[in-house]
């Protein structure tokens, strides 16, 4: 038990092969700082998600220096970085540039676990030639995480064109009836593309973990 009411799941790596990730959005600056100090003292690696810039900047200088922080994906990595594998054959693609914060969370999670990925933004169906230009590359991938908001058409299109596992990652990007990602989520769940896997809205971490589980098979 760490002070500030935090109890870590120390056996998660043994059970699942994943370290416990720290979801920072619901935690105070004091709790985040305590987790960083504990990690440094115990020489633990740790992934922080949804760590916004304001909370990061409110940390003390030693805690900020201990993290490899990325403000776009709102992720922080504590501890030694693993050398990325060169044969992962994972792609993370987005419908638009507005989806990059979510795709960045997936990319950083993969990197935390030593998996490199091809990060391909802004290849949505509004200009589908951009996707078709990358199709030869995408067809070689074992897993493609497709990040899209609005109507969420991109995951179905990709799942109908490539043989690897396709994971739909709907985002909350969009106007009106997009309903904060509900339209994109429903579109993915109702897809006629066979075998399309779907995770929750904006859950880049979950999509990356699903990809890692698949790669172990």
N, C-alpha and C. Protein backbone atom coordinates (compact mmCIF):
# COMPACT_ATOMS: atom_id res chain seq x y z
N UNK A 1 0.84 -1.20 0.00
CA UNK A 1 0.00 0.00 0.00
C UNK A 1 0.88 1.25 0.00
N UNK A 2 0.65 2.13 -0.99
CA UNK A 2 1.31 3.42 -1.02
C UNK A 2 0.40 4.42 -0.32
N UNK A 3 0.98 5.44 0.29
CA UNK A 3 0.15 6.45 0.94
C UNK A 3 -0.79 7.09 -0.08
N UNK A 4 -1.77 7.84 0.41
CA UNK A 4 -2.79 8.48 -0.42
C UNK A 4 -3.81 7.47 -0.94
N UNK A 5 -3.95 6.34 -0.25
CA UNK A 5 -5.02 5.39 -0.60
C UNK A 5 -4.79 4.58 -1.84
N UNK A 6 -3.55 4.39 -2.27
CA UNK A 6 -3.24 3.65 -3.49
C UNK A 6 -2.75 2.25 -3.13
N UNK A 7 -3.33 1.25 -3.78
CA UNK A 7 -2.87 -0.12 -3.60
C UNK A 7 -2.58 -0.71 -4.98
N UNK A 8 -1.32 -0.98 -5.26
CA UNK A 8 -0.92 -1.46 -6.58
C UNK A 8 -1.17 -2.96 -6.72
N UNK A 9 -1.41 -3.37 -7.95
CA UNK A 9 -1.60 -4.78 -8.29
C UNK A 9 -0.24 -5.34 -8.71
N UNK A 10 0.55 -5.78 -7.73
CA UNK A 10 1.92 -6.21 -8.01
C UNK A 10 1.99 -7.53 -8.78
N UNK A 11 0.90 -8.29 -8.82
CA UNK A 11 0.93 -9.59 -9.48
C UNK A 11 0.34 -9.55 -10.89
N UNK A 12 0.01 -8.37 -11.37
CA UNK A 12 -0.62 -8.29 -12.69
C UNK A 12 0.31 -8.79 -13.79
N UNK A 13 1.57 -8.44 -13.71
CA UNK A 13 2.52 -8.89 -14.74
C UNK A 13 2.62 -10.42 -14.74
N UNK A 14 2.62 -11.01 -13.56
CA UNK A 14 2.70 -12.47 -13.45
C UNK A 14 1.45 -13.13 -14.03
N UNK A 15 0.27 -12.52 -13.78
CA UNK A 15 -0.98 -13.10 -14.26
C UNK A 15 -1.20 -12.87 -15.75
N UNK A 16 -0.95 -11.63 -16.19
CA UNK A 16 -1.39 -11.21 -17.51
C UNK A 16 -0.27 -10.87 -18.48
N UNK A 17 0.94 -10.66 -17.94
CA UNK A 17 2.02 -10.21 -18.81
C UNK A 17 2.02 -8.72 -19.04
N UNK A 18 1.20 -7.98 -18.27
CA UNK A 18 1.15 -6.53 -18.36
C UNK A 18 1.50 -5.92 -17.00
N UNK A 19 2.28 -4.84 -17.01
CA UNK A 19 2.44 -4.05 -15.80
C UNK A 19 1.12 -3.32 -15.52
N UNK A 20 0.92 -2.91 -14.27
CA UNK A 20 -0.25 -2.10 -13.97
C UNK A 20 -0.05 -0.69 -14.53
N UNK A 21 -0.97 -0.27 -15.39
CA UNK A 21 -0.92 1.10 -15.89
C UNK A 21 -1.64 2.01 -14.90
N UNK A 22 -1.20 3.24 -14.82
CA UNK A 22 -1.79 4.22 -13.90
C UNK A 22 -2.67 5.18 -14.70
N UNK A 23 -3.97 5.11 -14.45
CA UNK A 23 -4.93 6.01 -15.10
C UNK A 23 -4.95 7.31 -14.28
N UNK A 24 -4.28 8.33 -14.81
CA UNK A 24 -4.02 9.54 -14.02
C UNK A 24 -5.20 10.50 -13.97
N UNK A 25 -6.16 10.35 -14.86
CA UNK A 25 -7.24 11.34 -14.95
C UNK A 25 -8.01 11.48 -13.64
N UNK A 26 -8.23 10.40 -12.92
CA UNK A 26 -8.99 10.48 -11.68
C UNK A 26 -8.14 10.60 -10.44
N UNK A 27 -6.85 10.88 -10.61
CA UNK A 27 -5.95 10.95 -9.46
C UNK A 27 -5.44 12.37 -9.25
N UNK A 28 -5.14 12.67 -7.99
CA UNK A 28 -4.61 13.99 -7.65
C UNK A 28 -3.13 14.06 -8.01
N UNK A 29 -2.60 15.28 -8.03
CA UNK A 29 -1.17 15.48 -8.27
C UNK A 29 -0.36 14.77 -7.19
N UNK A 30 -0.85 14.82 -5.95
CA UNK A 30 -0.14 14.16 -4.84
C UNK A 30 -0.09 12.65 -5.03
N UNK A 31 -1.16 12.05 -5.50
CA UNK A 31 -1.17 10.61 -5.74
C UNK A 31 -0.22 10.24 -6.88
N UNK A 32 -0.22 11.03 -7.94
CA UNK A 32 0.66 10.75 -9.07
C UNK A 32 2.12 10.86 -8.64
N UNK A 33 2.41 11.92 -7.87
CA UNK A 33 3.79 12.10 -7.39
C UNK A 33 4.22 10.93 -6.52
N UNK A 34 3.32 10.45 -5.65
CA UNK A 34 3.66 9.32 -4.78
C UNK A 34 3.95 8.06 -5.59
N UNK A 35 3.20 7.86 -6.67
CA UNK A 35 3.42 6.70 -7.53
C UNK A 35 4.77 6.79 -8.26
N UNK A 36 5.12 8.00 -8.68
CA UNK A 36 6.42 8.18 -9.34
C UNK A 36 7.55 7.92 -8.36
N UNK A 37 7.47 8.50 -7.17
CA UNK A 37 8.52 8.30 -6.16
C UNK A 37 8.66 6.82 -5.81
N UNK A 38 7.51 6.14 -5.63
CA UNK A 38 7.54 4.71 -5.33
C UNK A 38 8.21 3.93 -6.46
N UNK A 39 7.88 4.29 -7.70
CA UNK A 39 8.48 3.60 -8.84
C UNK A 39 9.97 3.81 -8.94
N UNK A 40 10.41 5.04 -8.69
CA UNK A 40 11.84 5.33 -8.73
C UNK A 40 12.57 4.55 -7.64
N UNK A 41 12.01 4.55 -6.44
CA UNK A 41 12.66 3.88 -5.32
C UNK A 41 12.69 2.36 -5.49
N UNK A 42 11.67 1.80 -6.11
CA UNK A 42 11.61 0.35 -6.31
C UNK A 42 12.13 -0.09 -7.67
N UNK A 43 12.61 0.90 -8.45
CA UNK A 43 13.14 0.64 -9.80
C UNK A 43 12.12 -0.07 -10.68
N UNK A 44 10.88 0.36 -10.57
CA UNK A 44 9.79 -0.22 -11.34
C UNK A 44 9.54 0.59 -12.60
N UNK A 45 9.16 -0.10 -13.65
CA UNK A 45 8.68 0.58 -14.85
C UNK A 45 7.19 0.83 -14.68
N UNK A 46 6.70 1.92 -15.24
CA UNK A 46 5.30 2.25 -15.04
C UNK A 46 4.82 3.13 -16.19
N UNK A 47 3.62 2.86 -16.66
CA UNK A 47 2.99 3.65 -17.72
C UNK A 47 1.85 4.46 -17.13
N UNK A 48 1.88 5.77 -17.34
CA UNK A 48 0.82 6.67 -16.91
C UNK A 48 0.00 7.08 -18.14
N UNK A 49 -1.31 6.91 -18.06
CA UNK A 49 -2.19 7.35 -19.15
C UNK A 49 -3.08 8.47 -18.66
N UNK A 50 -3.62 9.25 -19.60
CA UNK A 50 -4.49 10.39 -19.32
C UNK A 50 -3.86 11.35 -18.30
N UNK A 51 -2.58 11.57 -18.46
CA UNK A 51 -1.87 12.53 -17.61
C UNK A 51 -1.82 13.85 -18.36
N UNK A 52 -2.73 14.77 -18.03
CA UNK A 52 -2.80 16.01 -18.79
C UNK A 52 -1.65 16.95 -18.43
N UNK A 53 -1.44 17.93 -19.28
CA UNK A 53 -0.30 18.83 -19.15
C UNK A 53 -0.31 19.59 -17.82
N UNK A 54 -1.51 19.98 -17.37
CA UNK A 54 -1.60 20.76 -16.13
C UNK A 54 -1.13 19.95 -14.93
N UNK A 55 -1.55 18.70 -14.84
CA UNK A 55 -1.11 17.85 -13.73
C UNK A 55 0.39 17.57 -13.83
N UNK A 56 0.86 17.32 -15.03
CA UNK A 56 2.29 17.06 -15.21
C UNK A 56 3.11 18.26 -14.75
N UNK A 57 2.69 19.46 -15.17
CA UNK A 57 3.45 20.66 -14.79
C UNK A 57 3.34 20.97 -13.31
N UNK A 58 2.29 20.47 -12.64
CA UNK A 58 2.14 20.70 -11.20
C UNK A 58 3.02 19.76 -10.36
N UNK A 59 3.60 18.74 -10.98
CA UNK A 59 4.50 17.85 -10.26
C UNK A 59 5.80 18.57 -9.92
N UNK A 60 6.50 18.07 -8.93
CA UNK A 60 7.80 18.63 -8.60
C UNK A 60 8.82 18.33 -9.69
N UNK A 61 9.90 19.10 -9.72
CA UNK A 61 10.92 18.93 -10.75
C UNK A 61 11.50 17.51 -10.79
N UNK A 62 11.79 16.86 -9.65
CA UNK A 62 12.33 15.49 -9.72
C UNK A 62 11.34 14.50 -10.33
N UNK A 63 10.04 14.67 -10.03
CA UNK A 63 9.03 13.77 -10.58
C UNK A 63 8.88 13.99 -12.09
N UNK A 64 8.88 15.26 -12.51
CA UNK A 64 8.79 15.52 -13.95
C UNK A 64 10.00 14.95 -14.69
N UNK A 65 11.17 15.10 -14.10
CA UNK A 65 12.39 14.61 -14.76
C UNK A 65 12.41 13.09 -14.86
N UNK A 66 11.70 12.42 -13.96
CA UNK A 66 11.71 10.95 -13.97
C UNK A 66 10.84 10.37 -15.08
N UNK A 67 9.93 11.19 -15.64
CA UNK A 67 9.00 10.71 -16.64
C UNK A 67 9.44 11.09 -18.05
N UNK A 68 9.28 10.17 -18.99
CA UNK A 68 9.31 10.49 -20.41
C UNK A 68 7.87 10.86 -20.76
N UNK A 69 7.60 12.16 -20.86
CA UNK A 69 6.22 12.64 -20.98
C UNK A 69 5.93 13.11 -22.40
N UNK A 70 4.75 12.71 -22.90
CA UNK A 70 4.30 13.15 -24.22
C UNK A 70 2.96 13.87 -24.05
N UNK A 71 2.91 15.19 -24.29
CA UNK A 71 1.68 15.95 -24.04
C UNK A 71 0.56 15.65 -25.02
N UNK A 72 0.88 15.20 -26.22
CA UNK A 72 -0.17 14.92 -27.21
C UNK A 72 -1.00 13.71 -26.79
N UNK A 73 -0.32 12.61 -26.48
CA UNK A 73 -1.02 11.39 -26.06
C UNK A 73 -1.36 11.40 -24.59
N UNK A 74 -0.84 12.37 -23.85
CA UNK A 74 -1.03 12.48 -22.40
C UNK A 74 -0.56 11.22 -21.68
N UNK A 75 0.61 10.75 -22.08
CA UNK A 75 1.19 9.56 -21.46
C UNK A 75 2.56 9.89 -20.88
N UNK A 76 2.89 9.20 -19.79
CA UNK A 76 4.21 9.32 -19.19
C UNK A 76 4.78 7.93 -18.96
N UNK A 77 6.04 7.74 -19.26
CA UNK A 77 6.69 6.44 -19.06
C UNK A 77 7.79 6.62 -18.03
N UNK A 78 7.71 5.81 -16.99
CA UNK A 78 8.69 5.83 -15.92
C UNK A 78 9.57 4.59 -16.05
N UNK A 79 10.88 4.80 -15.98
CA UNK A 79 11.80 3.67 -16.02
C UNK A 79 12.45 3.49 -17.37
N UNK A 80 13.25 2.47 -17.46
CA UNK A 80 14.05 2.23 -18.66
C UNK A 80 13.17 1.87 -19.85
N UNK A 81 13.44 2.51 -20.97
CA UNK A 81 12.70 2.21 -22.19
C UNK A 81 13.23 0.92 -22.81
N UNK A 82 12.32 0.05 -23.24
CA UNK A 82 12.72 -1.18 -23.91
C UNK A 82 13.05 -0.88 -25.36
N UNK A 83 14.09 -1.54 -25.86
CA UNK A 83 14.44 -1.37 -27.27
C UNK A 83 13.31 -1.94 -28.13
N UNK A 84 12.80 -1.17 -29.09
CA UNK A 84 11.67 -1.65 -29.89
C UNK A 84 12.06 -2.79 -30.81
N UNK A 85 11.18 -3.77 -30.90
CA UNK A 85 11.41 -4.88 -31.84
C UNK A 85 11.27 -4.36 -33.26
N UNK A 86 11.92 -5.02 -34.17
CA UNK A 86 11.89 -4.57 -35.57
C UNK A 86 10.94 -5.41 -36.42
N UNK A 87 10.30 -6.42 -35.80
CA UNK A 87 9.44 -7.32 -36.58
C UNK A 87 8.02 -7.35 -36.03
N UNK A 88 7.57 -6.27 -35.40
CA UNK A 88 6.25 -6.27 -34.76
C UNK A 88 5.12 -6.38 -35.77
N UNK A 89 5.26 -5.68 -36.90
CA UNK A 89 4.23 -5.65 -37.94
C UNK A 89 2.87 -5.23 -37.38
N UNK A 90 2.91 -4.08 -36.70
CA UNK A 90 1.69 -3.44 -36.19
C UNK A 90 1.58 -2.06 -36.82
N UNK A 91 0.38 -1.69 -37.22
CA UNK A 91 0.13 -0.33 -37.70
C UNK A 91 -0.97 0.30 -36.85
N UNK A 92 -0.82 1.59 -36.59
CA UNK A 92 -1.86 2.38 -35.95
C UNK A 92 -2.20 3.50 -36.92
N UNK A 93 -3.42 3.51 -37.43
CA UNK A 93 -3.79 4.51 -38.43
C UNK A 93 -4.98 5.32 -37.92
N UNK A 94 -5.10 6.55 -38.41
CA UNK A 94 -6.21 7.39 -37.98
C UNK A 94 -7.00 7.92 -39.18
N UNK A 95 -8.28 8.16 -38.91
CA UNK A 95 -9.12 8.76 -39.93
C UNK A 95 -8.74 10.20 -40.19
N UNK A 96 -8.46 10.96 -39.10
CA UNK A 96 -8.09 12.36 -39.25
C UNK A 96 -7.01 12.74 -38.27
N UNK A 97 -6.47 13.93 -38.46
CA UNK A 97 -5.43 14.40 -37.54
C UNK A 97 -5.99 14.67 -36.14
N UNK A 98 -7.31 14.87 -36.04
CA UNK A 98 -7.93 15.10 -34.73
C UNK A 98 -7.94 13.84 -33.87
N UNK A 99 -7.67 12.70 -34.46
CA UNK A 99 -7.66 11.42 -33.74
C UNK A 99 -6.28 11.07 -33.19
N UNK A 100 -5.29 11.94 -33.41
CA UNK A 100 -3.90 11.59 -33.08
C UNK A 100 -3.65 11.45 -31.58
N UNK A 101 -4.39 12.17 -30.74
CA UNK A 101 -4.19 12.01 -29.30
C UNK A 101 -4.50 10.58 -28.87
N UNK A 102 -5.56 10.01 -29.42
CA UNK A 102 -5.95 8.64 -29.08
C UNK A 102 -5.01 7.63 -29.71
N UNK A 103 -4.66 7.83 -30.97
CA UNK A 103 -3.72 6.90 -31.61
C UNK A 103 -2.36 6.97 -30.93
N UNK A 104 -2.00 8.16 -30.44
CA UNK A 104 -0.73 8.31 -29.73
C UNK A 104 -0.69 7.50 -28.46
N UNK A 105 -1.83 7.41 -27.75
CA UNK A 105 -1.88 6.59 -26.54
C UNK A 105 -1.63 5.12 -26.88
N UNK A 106 -2.22 4.65 -27.98
CA UNK A 106 -1.99 3.27 -28.42
C UNK A 106 -0.53 3.06 -28.80
N UNK A 107 0.02 3.99 -29.55
CA UNK A 107 1.41 3.89 -30.00
C UNK A 107 2.37 3.87 -28.82
N UNK A 108 2.16 4.74 -27.86
CA UNK A 108 3.06 4.82 -26.70
C UNK A 108 2.94 3.57 -25.83
N UNK A 109 1.74 3.01 -25.73
CA UNK A 109 1.57 1.77 -24.97
C UNK A 109 2.35 0.64 -25.63
N UNK A 110 2.26 0.54 -26.95
CA UNK A 110 3.02 -0.48 -27.67
C UNK A 110 4.52 -0.29 -27.45
N UNK A 111 4.97 0.94 -27.52
CA UNK A 111 6.39 1.22 -27.32
C UNK A 111 6.84 0.89 -25.91
N UNK A 112 5.98 1.12 -24.93
CA UNK A 112 6.30 0.78 -23.55
C UNK A 112 6.62 -0.71 -23.43
N UNK A 113 5.92 -1.52 -24.20
CA UNK A 113 6.15 -2.96 -24.18
C UNK A 113 7.13 -3.43 -25.24
N UNK A 114 7.87 -2.49 -25.82
CA UNK A 114 8.93 -2.87 -26.74
C UNK A 114 8.48 -3.23 -28.13
N UNK A 115 7.31 -2.75 -28.54
CA UNK A 115 6.80 -3.05 -29.87
C UNK A 115 6.76 -1.77 -30.71
N UNK A 116 7.50 -1.77 -31.78
CA UNK A 116 7.44 -0.64 -32.71
C UNK A 116 6.17 -0.76 -33.54
N UNK A 117 5.72 0.36 -34.07
CA UNK A 117 4.55 0.32 -34.94
C UNK A 117 4.67 1.40 -36.01
N UNK A 118 3.99 1.17 -37.11
CA UNK A 118 3.87 2.19 -38.14
C UNK A 118 2.69 3.08 -37.75
N UNK A 119 2.95 4.36 -37.52
CA UNK A 119 1.90 5.30 -37.13
C UNK A 119 1.54 6.12 -38.36
N UNK A 120 0.33 5.92 -38.86
CA UNK A 120 -0.08 6.51 -40.14
C UNK A 120 -1.33 7.35 -39.91
N UNK A 121 -1.18 8.66 -39.74
CA UNK A 121 -2.35 9.50 -39.48
C UNK A 121 -3.02 10.02 -40.75
N UNK A 122 -4.29 10.40 -40.60
CA UNK A 122 -5.00 11.17 -41.62
C UNK A 122 -5.17 10.42 -42.94
N UNK A 123 -5.72 9.21 -42.86
CA UNK A 123 -5.99 8.44 -44.08
C UNK A 123 -7.46 8.04 -44.13
N UNK A 124 -8.34 8.95 -43.71
CA UNK A 124 -9.76 8.65 -43.61
C UNK A 124 -10.48 8.56 -44.94
N UNK A 125 -11.75 8.14 -44.87
CA UNK A 125 -12.51 7.85 -46.08
C UNK A 125 -12.89 9.11 -46.86
N UNK A 126 -12.79 10.29 -46.25
CA UNK A 126 -13.11 11.52 -46.99
C UNK A 126 -12.13 11.75 -48.14
N UNK A 127 -10.94 11.17 -48.03
CA UNK A 127 -9.96 11.19 -49.11
C UNK A 127 -9.35 9.81 -49.21
N UNK A 128 -10.14 8.86 -49.66
CA UNK A 128 -9.77 7.45 -49.51
C UNK A 128 -8.52 7.08 -50.32
N UNK A 129 -8.13 7.90 -51.25
CA UNK A 129 -6.89 7.64 -51.99
C UNK A 129 -5.70 7.57 -51.05
N UNK A 130 -5.77 8.30 -49.92
CA UNK A 130 -4.66 8.30 -48.95
C UNK A 130 -4.50 6.92 -48.32
N UNK A 131 -5.63 6.26 -48.04
CA UNK A 131 -5.58 4.90 -47.50
C UNK A 131 -5.11 3.91 -48.56
N UNK A 132 -5.64 4.02 -49.76
CA UNK A 132 -5.29 3.08 -50.82
C UNK A 132 -3.82 3.14 -51.18
N UNK A 133 -3.22 4.33 -51.00
CA UNK A 133 -1.79 4.48 -51.29
C UNK A 133 -0.92 3.71 -50.30
N UNK A 134 -1.47 3.38 -49.13
CA UNK A 134 -0.70 2.64 -48.10
C UNK A 134 -1.12 1.17 -48.01
N UNK A 135 -1.97 0.72 -48.93
CA UNK A 135 -2.57 -0.59 -48.78
C UNK A 135 -1.55 -1.73 -48.85
N UNK A 136 -0.56 -1.62 -49.71
CA UNK A 136 0.45 -2.68 -49.79
C UNK A 136 1.16 -2.85 -48.45
N UNK A 137 1.48 -1.74 -47.80
CA UNK A 137 2.12 -1.77 -46.49
C UNK A 137 1.19 -2.36 -45.44
N UNK A 138 -0.07 -1.95 -45.43
CA UNK A 138 -1.02 -2.41 -44.42
C UNK A 138 -1.34 -3.88 -44.56
N UNK A 139 -1.31 -4.40 -45.77
CA UNK A 139 -1.62 -5.83 -45.97
C UNK A 139 -0.53 -6.74 -45.40
N UNK A 140 0.64 -6.18 -45.12
CA UNK A 140 1.73 -6.98 -44.52
C UNK A 140 1.64 -7.01 -42.99
N UNK A 141 0.78 -6.21 -42.40
CA UNK A 141 0.72 -6.09 -40.95
C UNK A 141 -0.04 -7.25 -40.32
N UNK A 142 0.43 -7.67 -39.14
CA UNK A 142 -0.28 -8.69 -38.38
C UNK A 142 -1.49 -8.09 -37.67
N UNK A 143 -1.34 -6.85 -37.20
CA UNK A 143 -2.44 -6.16 -36.51
C UNK A 143 -2.50 -4.72 -37.01
N UNK A 144 -3.70 -4.24 -37.29
CA UNK A 144 -3.92 -2.84 -37.66
C UNK A 144 -4.95 -2.26 -36.69
N UNK A 145 -4.53 -1.26 -35.92
CA UNK A 145 -5.45 -0.53 -35.05
C UNK A 145 -5.95 0.68 -35.84
N UNK A 146 -7.26 0.76 -36.01
CA UNK A 146 -7.86 1.81 -36.84
C UNK A 146 -8.61 2.79 -35.94
N UNK A 147 -8.13 4.01 -35.89
CA UNK A 147 -8.62 5.03 -34.96
C UNK A 147 -9.46 6.03 -35.75
N UNK A 148 -10.75 6.13 -35.42
CA UNK A 148 -11.61 7.02 -36.20
C UNK A 148 -12.81 7.47 -35.39
N UNK A 149 -13.18 8.74 -35.59
CA UNK A 149 -14.40 9.28 -35.00
C UNK A 149 -15.43 9.53 -36.07
N UNK A 150 -16.19 10.63 -35.94
CA UNK A 150 -17.27 10.95 -36.89
C UNK A 150 -18.20 9.74 -37.04
N UNK A 151 -18.42 9.27 -38.28
CA UNK A 151 -19.30 8.12 -38.50
C UNK A 151 -18.58 6.79 -38.33
N UNK A 152 -17.25 6.82 -38.22
CA UNK A 152 -16.49 5.61 -37.94
C UNK A 152 -16.47 4.61 -39.07
N UNK A 153 -16.43 5.06 -40.32
CA UNK A 153 -16.45 4.13 -41.45
C UNK A 153 -15.11 3.44 -41.69
N UNK A 154 -14.01 4.08 -41.29
CA UNK A 154 -12.69 3.59 -41.66
C UNK A 154 -12.39 2.17 -41.18
N UNK A 155 -12.70 1.78 -39.95
CA UNK A 155 -12.39 0.40 -39.54
C UNK A 155 -13.03 -0.66 -40.43
N UNK A 156 -14.28 -0.46 -40.84
CA UNK A 156 -14.95 -1.43 -41.71
C UNK A 156 -14.26 -1.51 -43.07
N UNK A 157 -13.88 -0.36 -43.59
CA UNK A 157 -13.20 -0.35 -44.89
C UNK A 157 -11.88 -1.12 -44.81
N UNK A 158 -11.10 -0.83 -43.77
CA UNK A 158 -9.80 -1.50 -43.63
C UNK A 158 -9.99 -3.00 -43.41
N UNK A 159 -10.96 -3.37 -42.56
CA UNK A 159 -11.19 -4.79 -42.27
C UNK A 159 -11.66 -5.56 -43.49
N UNK A 160 -12.18 -4.86 -44.48
CA UNK A 160 -12.59 -5.50 -45.72
C UNK A 160 -11.48 -5.59 -46.75
N UNK A 161 -10.29 -5.06 -46.41
CA UNK A 161 -9.20 -5.00 -47.39
C UNK A 161 -7.92 -5.70 -46.95
N UNK A 162 -7.72 -5.90 -45.65
CA UNK A 162 -6.45 -6.48 -45.18
C UNK A 162 -6.70 -7.81 -44.47
N UNK A 163 -5.74 -8.74 -44.51
CA UNK A 163 -5.94 -10.06 -43.91
C UNK A 163 -5.61 -10.14 -42.42
N UNK A 164 -4.88 -9.18 -41.88
CA UNK A 164 -4.49 -9.22 -40.47
C UNK A 164 -5.65 -8.86 -39.55
N UNK A 165 -5.38 -8.95 -38.25
CA UNK A 165 -6.39 -8.57 -37.25
C UNK A 165 -6.59 -7.05 -37.31
N UNK A 166 -7.83 -6.61 -37.36
CA UNK A 166 -8.15 -5.19 -37.37
C UNK A 166 -8.91 -4.86 -36.08
N UNK A 167 -8.39 -3.87 -35.35
CA UNK A 167 -9.02 -3.43 -34.10
C UNK A 167 -9.59 -2.04 -34.32
N UNK A 168 -10.89 -1.90 -34.18
CA UNK A 168 -11.54 -0.59 -34.31
C UNK A 168 -11.41 0.16 -32.99
N UNK A 169 -10.91 1.37 -33.07
CA UNK A 169 -10.76 2.24 -31.90
C UNK A 169 -11.53 3.53 -32.16
N UNK A 170 -12.83 3.55 -31.80
CA UNK A 170 -13.63 4.75 -32.04
C UNK A 170 -13.19 5.91 -31.14
N UNK A 171 -13.28 7.12 -31.66
CA UNK A 171 -12.92 8.29 -30.88
C UNK A 171 -14.13 9.20 -30.70
N UNK A 172 -13.99 10.12 -29.75
CA UNK A 172 -15.09 11.04 -29.44
C UNK A 172 -15.12 12.25 -30.36
N UNK A 173 -14.33 12.23 -31.44
CA UNK A 173 -14.28 13.33 -32.40
C UNK A 173 -15.55 13.34 -33.25
N UNK A 174 -16.17 14.50 -33.40
CA UNK A 174 -17.31 14.60 -34.31
C UNK A 174 -18.36 15.58 -33.84
N UNK A 175 -19.22 15.97 -34.77
CA UNK A 175 -20.31 16.91 -34.49
C UNK A 175 -21.59 16.17 -34.09
N UNK A 176 -22.47 16.88 -33.39
CA UNK A 176 -23.87 16.50 -33.20
C UNK A 176 -24.13 15.02 -32.98
N UNK A 177 -24.71 14.36 -33.98
CA UNK A 177 -25.15 12.98 -33.84
C UNK A 177 -23.98 12.00 -33.71
N UNK A 178 -22.76 12.47 -33.86
CA UNK A 178 -21.62 11.59 -33.55
C UNK A 178 -21.61 11.22 -32.07
N UNK A 179 -22.26 12.06 -31.24
CA UNK A 179 -22.54 11.77 -29.84
C UNK A 179 -21.31 11.32 -29.05
N UNK A 180 -20.23 12.07 -29.21
CA UNK A 180 -19.05 11.78 -28.41
C UNK A 180 -18.44 10.41 -28.66
N UNK A 181 -18.61 9.90 -29.87
CA UNK A 181 -18.02 8.62 -30.23
C UNK A 181 -19.01 7.47 -30.31
N UNK A 182 -20.25 7.69 -29.87
CA UNK A 182 -21.23 6.60 -29.90
C UNK A 182 -21.54 6.15 -31.32
N UNK A 183 -21.60 7.09 -32.26
CA UNK A 183 -21.87 6.70 -33.65
C UNK A 183 -20.76 5.83 -34.20
N UNK A 184 -19.51 6.21 -33.93
CA UNK A 184 -18.36 5.42 -34.41
C UNK A 184 -18.32 4.05 -33.75
N UNK A 185 -18.63 3.99 -32.46
CA UNK A 185 -18.66 2.72 -31.74
C UNK A 185 -19.74 1.81 -32.31
N UNK A 186 -20.94 2.35 -32.51
CA UNK A 186 -22.04 1.56 -33.05
C UNK A 186 -21.72 1.07 -34.45
N UNK A 187 -21.10 1.93 -35.25
CA UNK A 187 -20.72 1.54 -36.61
C UNK A 187 -19.77 0.36 -36.60
N UNK A 188 -18.79 0.39 -35.70
CA UNK A 188 -17.83 -0.72 -35.62
C UNK A 188 -18.51 -2.00 -35.16
N UNK A 189 -19.40 -1.89 -34.16
CA UNK A 189 -20.08 -3.08 -33.65
C UNK A 189 -21.04 -3.67 -34.68
N UNK A 190 -21.59 -2.83 -35.55
CA UNK A 190 -22.54 -3.30 -36.56
C UNK A 190 -21.88 -3.63 -37.89
N UNK A 191 -20.56 -3.58 -37.95
CA UNK A 191 -19.83 -3.77 -39.20
C UNK A 191 -20.10 -5.13 -39.83
N UNK A 192 -20.18 -5.15 -41.15
CA UNK A 192 -20.31 -6.42 -41.87
C UNK A 192 -18.95 -6.98 -42.27
N UNK A 193 -17.86 -6.25 -41.96
CA UNK A 193 -16.52 -6.77 -42.23
C UNK A 193 -16.24 -7.91 -41.25
N UNK A 194 -15.91 -9.10 -41.72
CA UNK A 194 -15.79 -10.26 -40.82
C UNK A 194 -14.61 -10.14 -39.86
N UNK A 195 -14.89 -10.39 -38.58
CA UNK A 195 -13.83 -10.46 -37.59
C UNK A 195 -13.30 -9.15 -37.08
N UNK A 196 -13.99 -8.05 -37.34
CA UNK A 196 -13.53 -6.76 -36.83
C UNK A 196 -13.68 -6.72 -35.31
N UNK A 197 -12.59 -6.43 -34.60
CA UNK A 197 -12.58 -6.35 -33.15
C UNK A 197 -12.76 -4.89 -32.74
N UNK A 198 -13.51 -4.63 -31.68
CA UNK A 198 -13.80 -3.26 -31.28
C UNK A 198 -13.51 -3.05 -29.81
N UNK A 199 -12.89 -1.90 -29.48
CA UNK A 199 -12.68 -1.51 -28.09
C UNK A 199 -13.48 -0.24 -27.81
N UNK A 200 -13.43 0.21 -26.58
CA UNK A 200 -14.27 1.33 -26.15
C UNK A 200 -13.76 2.67 -26.71
N UNK A 201 -14.61 3.66 -26.64
CA UNK A 201 -14.33 4.99 -27.17
C UNK A 201 -13.09 5.59 -26.52
N UNK A 202 -12.16 6.06 -27.34
CA UNK A 202 -10.94 6.75 -26.91
C UNK A 202 -9.97 5.86 -26.12
N UNK A 203 -10.19 4.55 -26.11
CA UNK A 203 -9.37 3.65 -25.29
C UNK A 203 -8.14 3.16 -26.06
N UNK A 204 -7.19 4.06 -26.28
CA UNK A 204 -5.97 3.69 -26.98
C UNK A 204 -5.17 2.64 -26.23
N UNK A 205 -5.15 2.76 -24.91
CA UNK A 205 -4.43 1.79 -24.09
C UNK A 205 -5.03 0.40 -24.27
N UNK A 206 -6.35 0.30 -24.22
CA UNK A 206 -7.01 -1.00 -24.38
C UNK A 206 -6.78 -1.61 -25.74
N UNK A 207 -6.79 -0.78 -26.79
CA UNK A 207 -6.54 -1.30 -28.14
C UNK A 207 -5.14 -1.86 -28.25
N UNK A 208 -4.16 -1.16 -27.67
CA UNK A 208 -2.78 -1.64 -27.72
C UNK A 208 -2.64 -2.95 -26.96
N UNK A 209 -3.28 -3.06 -25.79
CA UNK A 209 -3.20 -4.30 -25.02
C UNK A 209 -3.85 -5.46 -25.76
N UNK A 210 -4.96 -5.19 -26.47
CA UNK A 210 -5.58 -6.24 -27.29
C UNK A 210 -4.62 -6.70 -28.38
N UNK A 211 -3.93 -5.75 -29.00
CA UNK A 211 -2.95 -6.10 -30.04
C UNK A 211 -1.82 -6.96 -29.46
N UNK A 212 -1.35 -6.60 -28.27
CA UNK A 212 -0.26 -7.35 -27.63
C UNK A 212 -0.70 -8.76 -27.30
N UNK A 213 -1.92 -8.93 -26.83
CA UNK A 213 -2.43 -10.29 -26.56
C UNK A 213 -2.46 -11.11 -27.85
N UNK A 214 -2.90 -10.51 -28.93
CA UNK A 214 -2.97 -11.22 -30.20
C UNK A 214 -1.60 -11.63 -30.71
N UNK A 215 -0.63 -10.76 -30.51
CA UNK A 215 0.72 -11.05 -30.98
C UNK A 215 1.37 -12.21 -30.21
N UNK A 216 0.88 -12.48 -29.01
CA UNK A 216 1.42 -13.60 -28.24
C UNK A 216 0.95 -14.95 -28.75
N UNK A 217 -0.14 -15.00 -29.49
CA UNK A 217 -0.71 -16.27 -29.92
C UNK A 217 0.19 -16.96 -30.93
